[in-house]
Amino acid sequence: MANITRWDPFGEMVHLRQAMDRLFDESFTRPWRILGWEGETFVPLDVYETEDELVVKASLPGVKPEDVHVSITGDTLSIKGEFRFEEETKKPSYYRQERRYGSFHRAVTLPTQVESDKAEAVFEHGVLTLTMPKAEGVKPKTIKVKARGMIEGEK
């Protein structure tokens, strides 16, 4: 004998709402899960360009400058390093531990060609600032328009 189940549209909406709540909860409290970075230490970056250079700023609080390794291969910028746990506690009794420790690696495709041999890296107050001059071929060129004479019919 077949069982007939009555369809409950509100029950379906509750399941959808619970799924959306989980999605928003995880995206704001643990965004690295959604982006596939679980288990890795995430390094936030700002990347912007001026007329002559490309600038990348990375937040690396607590990292020593000598523990950061920066390289440019082709159009890929790579920043590697390690957040070290330096606090020695005999019997830790943490209530909450949210700071992440361990190695990190962040690779970014650069939006324009740069002259990597002229790049500069400055580390100040936990922020790594990379300044890379744009390659000559990608810098904007201004072309001056010259007038040659009058168009036929004008006086």
N, C-alpha and C. Protein backbone atom coordinates (compact mmCIF):
# COMPACT_ATOMS: atom_id res chain seq x y z
N MET A 1 0.83 -1.17 0.00
CA MET A 1 0.00 0.00 0.00
C MET A 1 0.89 1.25 0.00
N ALA A 2 0.57 2.24 -0.79
CA ALA A 2 1.37 3.46 -0.93
C ALA A 2 0.96 4.48 0.11
N ASN A 3 1.98 5.15 0.63
CA ASN A 3 1.73 6.24 1.58
C ASN A 3 1.65 7.55 0.80
N ILE A 4 0.70 8.33 1.12
CA ILE A 4 0.56 9.64 0.50
C ILE A 4 0.97 10.68 1.53
N THR A 5 1.95 11.50 1.14
CA THR A 5 2.44 12.56 2.02
C THR A 5 1.97 13.89 1.48
N ARG A 6 1.42 14.65 2.34
CA ARG A 6 0.93 15.97 1.95
C ARG A 6 2.11 16.92 1.77
N TRP A 7 2.12 17.67 0.68
CA TRP A 7 3.20 18.61 0.41
C TRP A 7 3.07 19.82 1.31
N ASP A 8 4.20 20.22 1.90
CA ASP A 8 4.21 21.35 2.82
C ASP A 8 5.16 22.41 2.27
N PRO A 9 4.63 23.40 1.54
CA PRO A 9 5.53 24.40 0.95
C PRO A 9 6.27 25.22 2.00
N PHE A 10 5.68 25.42 3.17
CA PHE A 10 6.36 26.19 4.21
C PHE A 10 7.53 25.40 4.80
N GLY A 11 7.41 24.10 4.86
CA GLY A 11 8.52 23.26 5.32
C GLY A 11 9.72 23.37 4.39
N GLU A 12 9.44 23.43 3.07
CA GLU A 12 10.52 23.61 2.08
C GLU A 12 11.20 24.96 2.27
N MET A 13 10.42 25.99 2.58
CA MET A 13 10.99 27.32 2.78
C MET A 13 11.86 27.35 4.03
N VAL A 14 11.49 26.61 5.07
CA VAL A 14 12.30 26.55 6.28
C VAL A 14 13.65 25.92 5.98
N HIS A 15 13.66 24.85 5.18
CA HIS A 15 14.93 24.22 4.81
C HIS A 15 15.80 25.19 4.00
N LEU A 16 15.18 25.92 3.09
CA LEU A 16 15.92 26.90 2.30
C LEU A 16 16.48 28.00 3.19
N ARG A 17 15.68 28.47 4.13
CA ARG A 17 16.15 29.52 5.03
C ARG A 17 17.31 29.03 5.89
N GLN A 18 17.24 27.81 6.39
CA GLN A 18 18.34 27.26 7.19
C GLN A 18 19.61 27.16 6.36
N ALA A 19 19.49 26.75 5.11
CA ALA A 19 20.66 26.66 4.23
C ALA A 19 21.24 28.05 3.99
N MET A 20 20.41 29.06 3.76
CA MET A 20 20.89 30.42 3.55
C MET A 20 21.54 30.97 4.82
N ASP A 21 20.96 30.67 5.99
CA ASP A 21 21.56 31.11 7.26
C ASP A 21 22.96 30.53 7.42
N ARG A 22 23.12 29.25 7.12
CA ARG A 22 24.45 28.61 7.22
C ARG A 22 25.43 29.26 6.26
N LEU A 23 24.97 29.54 5.03
CA LEU A 23 25.82 30.16 4.04
C LEU A 23 26.32 31.52 4.50
N PHE A 24 25.39 32.37 4.98
CA PHE A 24 25.80 33.70 5.41
C PHE A 24 26.62 33.65 6.69
N ASP A 25 26.31 32.76 7.59
CA ASP A 25 27.08 32.63 8.82
C ASP A 25 28.52 32.26 8.52
N GLU A 26 28.72 31.28 7.66
CA GLU A 26 30.07 30.84 7.34
C GLU A 26 30.82 31.86 6.48
N SER A 27 30.10 32.60 5.63
CA SER A 27 30.79 33.56 4.77
C SER A 27 31.29 34.76 5.55
N PHE A 28 30.63 35.12 6.66
CA PHE A 28 31.09 36.27 7.44
C PHE A 28 31.97 35.87 8.62
N THR A 29 31.75 34.72 9.20
CA THR A 29 32.56 34.33 10.36
C THR A 29 33.76 33.49 9.97
N ARG A 30 33.66 32.74 8.87
CA ARG A 30 34.76 31.91 8.41
C ARG A 30 34.85 31.99 6.88
N PRO A 31 35.22 33.16 6.33
CA PRO A 31 35.19 33.32 4.87
C PRO A 31 36.18 32.42 4.15
N TRP A 32 37.24 32.00 4.80
CA TRP A 32 38.23 31.15 4.15
C TRP A 32 37.63 29.80 3.77
N ARG A 33 36.59 29.33 4.46
CA ARG A 33 35.95 28.07 4.10
C ARG A 33 35.30 28.16 2.72
N ILE A 34 34.59 29.24 2.48
CA ILE A 34 33.87 29.39 1.21
C ILE A 34 34.87 29.52 0.07
N LEU A 35 35.98 30.19 0.31
CA LEU A 35 36.97 30.41 -0.74
C LEU A 35 37.96 29.26 -0.86
N GLY A 36 37.81 28.24 -0.06
CA GLY A 36 38.67 27.07 -0.17
C GLY A 36 40.00 27.20 0.54
N TRP A 37 40.10 28.07 1.54
CA TRP A 37 41.36 28.28 2.24
C TRP A 37 41.39 27.64 3.60
N GLU A 38 40.49 26.73 3.88
CA GLU A 38 40.47 26.13 5.21
C GLU A 38 41.78 25.40 5.45
N GLY A 39 42.36 25.57 6.61
CA GLY A 39 43.62 24.92 6.94
C GLY A 39 44.83 25.75 6.57
N GLU A 40 44.65 26.77 5.75
CA GLU A 40 45.75 27.65 5.39
C GLU A 40 45.56 28.98 6.10
N THR A 41 46.66 29.67 6.32
CA THR A 41 46.58 31.00 6.89
C THR A 41 46.37 31.98 5.76
N PHE A 42 45.35 32.80 5.88
CA PHE A 42 44.97 33.73 4.83
C PHE A 42 45.67 35.07 5.02
N VAL A 43 46.21 35.62 3.96
CA VAL A 43 46.88 36.92 3.98
C VAL A 43 46.07 37.89 3.13
N PRO A 44 45.44 38.90 3.74
CA PRO A 44 44.66 39.86 2.95
C PRO A 44 45.58 40.81 2.18
N LEU A 45 45.18 41.12 0.96
CA LEU A 45 45.97 41.98 0.08
C LEU A 45 45.14 43.13 -0.47
N ASP A 46 45.80 44.25 -0.73
CA ASP A 46 45.24 45.34 -1.52
C ASP A 46 46.15 45.45 -2.74
N VAL A 47 45.57 45.49 -3.93
CA VAL A 47 46.35 45.65 -5.16
C VAL A 47 45.75 46.83 -5.92
N TYR A 48 46.59 47.82 -6.23
CA TYR A 48 46.11 48.95 -7.02
C TYR A 48 47.24 49.46 -7.90
N GLU A 49 46.86 50.25 -8.89
CA GLU A 49 47.88 50.79 -9.79
C GLU A 49 47.75 52.30 -9.91
N THR A 50 48.90 52.91 -10.12
CA THR A 50 48.95 54.33 -10.43
C THR A 50 49.34 54.42 -11.91
N GLU A 51 49.62 55.61 -12.37
CA GLU A 51 49.99 55.77 -13.78
C GLU A 51 51.30 55.04 -14.10
N ASP A 52 52.24 55.02 -13.14
CA ASP A 52 53.57 54.48 -13.42
C ASP A 52 53.91 53.17 -12.71
N GLU A 53 53.10 52.76 -11.73
CA GLU A 53 53.49 51.58 -10.96
C GLU A 53 52.29 50.79 -10.46
N LEU A 54 52.59 49.56 -10.06
CA LEU A 54 51.62 48.67 -9.46
C LEU A 54 52.01 48.52 -8.00
N VAL A 55 51.05 48.63 -7.09
CA VAL A 55 51.32 48.58 -5.66
C VAL A 55 50.51 47.46 -5.03
N VAL A 56 51.17 46.66 -4.18
CA VAL A 56 50.52 45.58 -3.45
C VAL A 56 50.82 45.79 -1.97
N LYS A 57 49.78 45.77 -1.15
CA LYS A 57 49.95 45.88 0.30
C LYS A 57 49.39 44.62 0.93
N ALA A 58 50.20 44.00 1.80
CA ALA A 58 49.81 42.76 2.47
C ALA A 58 49.87 42.97 3.98
N SER A 59 48.83 42.55 4.69
CA SER A 59 48.81 42.64 6.15
C SER A 59 49.47 41.41 6.73
N LEU A 60 50.59 41.64 7.41
CA LEU A 60 51.36 40.54 8.01
C LEU A 60 51.72 40.88 9.46
N PRO A 61 50.73 41.04 10.33
CA PRO A 61 51.04 41.42 11.72
C PRO A 61 51.80 40.31 12.44
N GLY A 62 52.84 40.72 13.16
CA GLY A 62 53.61 39.77 13.94
C GLY A 62 54.67 39.01 13.17
N VAL A 63 54.79 39.24 11.89
CA VAL A 63 55.79 38.55 11.06
C VAL A 63 57.02 39.44 10.96
N LYS A 64 58.19 38.84 11.10
CA LYS A 64 59.43 39.60 10.95
C LYS A 64 59.77 39.74 9.47
N PRO A 65 60.31 40.89 9.07
CA PRO A 65 60.64 41.10 7.65
C PRO A 65 61.55 40.01 7.08
N GLU A 66 62.47 39.49 7.87
CA GLU A 66 63.38 38.46 7.36
C GLU A 66 62.69 37.11 7.15
N ASP A 67 61.47 36.96 7.66
CA ASP A 67 60.71 35.71 7.48
C ASP A 67 59.75 35.77 6.30
N VAL A 68 59.79 36.86 5.52
CA VAL A 68 58.92 37.01 4.36
C VAL A 68 59.75 36.87 3.09
N HIS A 69 59.25 36.07 2.15
CA HIS A 69 59.94 35.85 0.88
C HIS A 69 59.00 36.25 -0.25
N VAL A 70 59.46 37.18 -1.09
CA VAL A 70 58.65 37.69 -2.19
C VAL A 70 59.34 37.36 -3.50
N SER A 71 58.57 36.87 -4.47
CA SER A 71 59.14 36.60 -5.79
C SER A 71 58.11 36.93 -6.87
N ILE A 72 58.63 37.27 -8.05
CA ILE A 72 57.78 37.53 -9.21
C ILE A 72 58.28 36.62 -10.32
N THR A 73 57.38 35.77 -10.81
CA THR A 73 57.70 34.88 -11.92
C THR A 73 56.68 35.12 -13.02
N GLY A 74 57.13 35.68 -14.12
CA GLY A 74 56.19 36.02 -15.20
C GLY A 74 55.21 37.08 -14.72
N ASP A 75 53.92 36.73 -14.70
CA ASP A 75 52.90 37.68 -14.24
C ASP A 75 52.34 37.27 -12.88
N THR A 76 53.06 36.44 -12.14
CA THR A 76 52.59 35.95 -10.84
C THR A 76 53.48 36.47 -9.70
N LEU A 77 52.84 37.14 -8.74
CA LEU A 77 53.51 37.60 -7.53
C LEU A 77 53.28 36.55 -6.45
N SER A 78 54.32 36.15 -5.75
CA SER A 78 54.22 35.15 -4.71
C SER A 78 54.79 35.69 -3.40
N ILE A 79 54.00 35.60 -2.32
CA ILE A 79 54.44 36.04 -1.00
C ILE A 79 54.35 34.82 -0.08
N LYS A 80 55.49 34.48 0.54
CA LYS A 80 55.54 33.33 1.44
C LYS A 80 56.12 33.76 2.78
N GLY A 81 55.76 33.04 3.82
CA GLY A 81 56.30 33.33 5.13
C GLY A 81 55.67 32.44 6.18
N GLU A 82 55.83 32.85 7.44
CA GLU A 82 55.29 32.06 8.53
C GLU A 82 54.91 32.95 9.70
N PHE A 83 53.70 32.71 10.22
CA PHE A 83 53.29 33.32 11.47
C PHE A 83 53.77 32.38 12.56
N ARG A 84 54.64 32.86 13.44
CA ARG A 84 55.21 31.99 14.47
C ARG A 84 54.50 32.19 15.80
N PHE A 85 54.33 31.10 16.51
CA PHE A 85 53.75 31.11 17.84
C PHE A 85 54.90 31.24 18.82
N GLU A 86 55.10 32.43 19.39
CA GLU A 86 56.26 32.68 20.23
C GLU A 86 55.96 32.64 21.71
N GLU A 87 54.71 32.60 22.10
CA GLU A 87 54.33 32.63 23.49
C GLU A 87 54.48 31.23 24.10
N GLU A 88 55.28 31.13 25.13
CA GLU A 88 55.47 29.84 25.79
C GLU A 88 54.63 29.79 27.05
N THR A 89 53.67 28.90 27.06
CA THR A 89 52.80 28.73 28.21
C THR A 89 52.92 27.28 28.66
N LYS A 90 53.21 27.08 29.93
CA LYS A 90 53.38 25.72 30.43
C LYS A 90 52.10 24.91 30.31
N LYS A 91 51.02 25.46 30.85
CA LYS A 91 49.72 24.78 30.78
C LYS A 91 48.71 25.76 30.19
N PRO A 92 48.58 25.76 28.89
CA PRO A 92 47.65 26.73 28.30
C PRO A 92 46.20 26.41 28.66
N SER A 93 45.49 27.43 29.03
CA SER A 93 44.06 27.27 29.28
C SER A 93 43.33 28.40 28.56
N TYR A 94 43.35 28.31 27.25
CA TYR A 94 42.74 29.34 26.41
C TYR A 94 41.23 29.26 26.52
N TYR A 95 40.62 30.43 26.51
CA TYR A 95 39.17 30.50 26.37
C TYR A 95 38.81 30.63 24.91
N ARG A 96 39.70 31.29 24.18
CA ARG A 96 39.49 31.48 22.75
C ARG A 96 40.86 31.71 22.11
N GLN A 97 41.11 31.07 21.00
CA GLN A 97 42.36 31.27 20.26
C GLN A 97 41.99 31.41 18.79
N GLU A 98 41.99 32.66 18.31
CA GLU A 98 41.58 32.94 16.95
C GLU A 98 42.74 33.34 16.04
N ARG A 99 43.85 33.75 16.63
CA ARG A 99 45.00 34.11 15.81
C ARG A 99 45.57 32.83 15.21
N ARG A 100 45.88 32.90 13.93
CA ARG A 100 46.35 31.71 13.24
C ARG A 100 47.88 31.71 13.19
N TYR A 101 48.42 30.52 13.27
CA TYR A 101 49.87 30.35 13.21
C TYR A 101 50.17 29.32 12.15
N GLY A 102 51.36 29.44 11.58
CA GLY A 102 51.78 28.50 10.55
C GLY A 102 52.24 29.23 9.31
N SER A 103 52.62 28.46 8.34
CA SER A 103 53.15 29.06 7.12
C SER A 103 52.01 29.55 6.24
N PHE A 104 52.33 30.52 5.42
CA PHE A 104 51.37 31.05 4.47
C PHE A 104 52.02 31.19 3.12
N HIS A 105 51.21 31.14 2.09
CA HIS A 105 51.67 31.36 0.73
C HIS A 105 50.52 31.99 -0.03
N ARG A 106 50.76 33.14 -0.60
CA ARG A 106 49.72 33.83 -1.37
C ARG A 106 50.31 34.15 -2.73
N ALA A 107 49.66 33.68 -3.78
CA ALA A 107 50.09 33.96 -5.15
C ALA A 107 48.97 34.72 -5.85
N VAL A 108 49.35 35.78 -6.56
CA VAL A 108 48.39 36.64 -7.24
C VAL A 108 48.87 36.89 -8.67
N THR A 109 47.95 36.80 -9.61
CA THR A 109 48.28 37.15 -10.99
C THR A 109 48.22 38.67 -11.11
N LEU A 110 49.32 39.25 -11.55
CA LEU A 110 49.40 40.71 -11.67
C LEU A 110 48.60 41.17 -12.88
N PRO A 111 47.86 42.28 -12.75
CA PRO A 111 47.00 42.73 -13.85
C PRO A 111 47.75 43.38 -15.01
N THR A 112 49.03 43.68 -14.82
CA THR A 112 49.81 44.32 -15.87
C THR A 112 51.26 43.90 -15.74
N GLN A 113 52.03 44.07 -16.79
CA GLN A 113 53.45 43.69 -16.75
C GLN A 113 54.22 44.71 -15.92
N VAL A 114 55.18 44.20 -15.13
CA VAL A 114 56.01 45.06 -14.30
C VAL A 114 57.48 44.77 -14.55
N GLU A 115 58.32 45.71 -14.14
CA GLU A 115 59.76 45.51 -14.20
C GLU A 115 60.19 44.95 -12.84
N SER A 116 60.25 43.64 -12.73
CA SER A 116 60.49 43.00 -11.44
C SER A 116 61.87 43.31 -10.87
N ASP A 117 62.85 43.60 -11.71
CA ASP A 117 64.19 43.91 -11.21
C ASP A 117 64.25 45.27 -10.52
N LYS A 118 63.24 46.12 -10.73
CA LYS A 118 63.21 47.44 -10.09
C LYS A 118 62.18 47.52 -8.98
N ALA A 119 61.61 46.38 -8.58
CA ALA A 119 60.58 46.35 -7.53
C ALA A 119 61.21 46.65 -6.18
N GLU A 120 60.43 47.30 -5.30
CA GLU A 120 60.87 47.60 -3.95
C GLU A 120 59.88 47.03 -2.95
N ALA A 121 60.39 46.52 -1.83
CA ALA A 121 59.53 45.99 -0.78
C ALA A 121 59.88 46.70 0.53
N VAL A 122 58.86 47.27 1.18
CA VAL A 122 59.05 47.97 2.45
C VAL A 122 58.10 47.34 3.47
N PHE A 123 58.64 47.04 4.64
CA PHE A 123 57.84 46.43 5.70
C PHE A 123 57.76 47.41 6.86
N GLU A 124 56.54 47.86 7.18
CA GLU A 124 56.37 48.85 8.23
C GLU A 124 55.07 48.59 8.98
N HIS A 125 55.17 48.49 10.30
CA HIS A 125 54.00 48.30 11.18
C HIS A 125 53.13 47.12 10.76
N GLY A 126 53.77 46.03 10.37
CA GLY A 126 53.03 44.82 10.01
C GLY A 126 52.42 44.84 8.63
N VAL A 127 52.76 45.84 7.82
CA VAL A 127 52.23 45.91 6.46
C VAL A 127 53.39 45.87 5.47
N LEU A 128 53.35 44.91 4.57
CA LEU A 128 54.34 44.79 3.51
C LEU A 128 53.82 45.56 2.30
N THR A 129 54.60 46.53 1.82
CA THR A 129 54.21 47.32 0.65
C THR A 129 55.19 47.04 -0.47
N LEU A 130 54.69 46.49 -1.57
CA LEU A 130 55.50 46.21 -2.75
C LEU A 130 55.16 47.25 -3.81
N THR A 131 56.18 47.91 -4.32
CA THR A 131 56.00 48.91 -5.36
C THR A 131 56.77 48.42 -6.58
N MET A 132 56.04 48.19 -7.67
CA MET A 132 56.65 47.63 -8.88
C MET A 132 56.38 48.55 -10.06
N PRO A 133 57.44 49.10 -10.68
CA PRO A 133 57.23 49.97 -11.84
C PRO A 133 56.62 49.17 -13.00
N LYS A 134 55.70 49.81 -13.70
CA LYS A 134 55.11 49.17 -14.87
C LYS A 134 56.15 49.08 -15.98
N ALA A 135 56.03 48.06 -16.80
CA ALA A 135 56.90 47.92 -17.96
C ALA A 135 56.60 49.06 -18.93
N GLU A 136 57.62 49.51 -19.64
CA GLU A 136 57.47 50.66 -20.54
C GLU A 136 56.37 50.43 -21.58
N GLY A 137 56.21 49.22 -22.05
CA GLY A 137 55.21 48.94 -23.08
C GLY A 137 53.77 49.09 -22.62
N VAL A 138 53.52 49.06 -21.32
CA VAL A 138 52.14 49.14 -20.84
C VAL A 138 51.80 50.49 -20.22
N LYS A 139 52.78 51.38 -20.11
CA LYS A 139 52.49 52.72 -19.58
C LYS A 139 51.69 53.51 -20.61
N PRO A 140 50.74 54.31 -20.14
CA PRO A 140 49.95 55.09 -21.11
C PRO A 140 50.81 56.15 -21.79
N LYS A 141 50.59 56.31 -23.07
CA LYS A 141 51.33 57.31 -23.86
C LYS A 141 50.33 58.38 -24.30
N THR A 142 50.76 59.63 -24.22
CA THR A 142 49.93 60.73 -24.68
C THR A 142 50.40 61.13 -26.07
N ILE A 143 49.45 61.23 -26.98
CA ILE A 143 49.77 61.60 -28.36
C ILE A 143 49.15 62.96 -28.62
N LYS A 144 49.99 63.92 -28.98
CA LYS A 144 49.52 65.27 -29.22
C LYS A 144 48.93 65.35 -30.63
N VAL A 145 47.78 65.97 -30.74
CA VAL A 145 47.11 66.12 -32.02
C VAL A 145 47.52 67.45 -32.63
N LYS A 146 47.97 67.40 -33.89
CA LYS A 146 48.40 68.59 -34.60
C LYS A 146 47.40 68.92 -35.70
N ALA A 147 47.17 70.21 -35.90
CA ALA A 147 46.29 70.66 -36.98
C ALA A 147 47.14 70.89 -38.22
N ARG A 148 46.68 70.43 -39.39
CA ARG A 148 47.46 70.58 -40.63
C ARG A 148 46.93 71.66 -41.55
N GLY A 149 45.88 72.16 -41.32
CA GLY A 149 45.35 73.16 -42.24
C GLY A 149 43.84 73.14 -42.14
N MET A 150 43.27 73.86 -43.02
CA MET A 150 41.82 73.99 -42.95
C MET A 150 41.17 72.92 -43.83
N ILE A 151 40.01 72.51 -43.39
CA ILE A 151 39.24 71.54 -44.17
C ILE A 151 38.60 72.32 -45.32
N GLU A 152 38.47 71.68 -46.46
CA GLU A 152 37.92 72.33 -47.66
C GLU A 152 36.54 72.90 -47.37
N GLY A 153 36.32 74.11 -47.76
CA GLY A 153 35.03 74.75 -47.57
C GLY A 153 35.02 75.67 -46.36
N GLU A 154 36.00 75.60 -45.47
CA GLU A 154 36.05 76.48 -44.31
C GLU A 154 36.93 77.67 -44.61
N LYS A 155 36.67 78.77 -44.02
CA LYS A 155 37.50 79.95 -44.20
C LYS A 155 38.02 80.44 -42.90
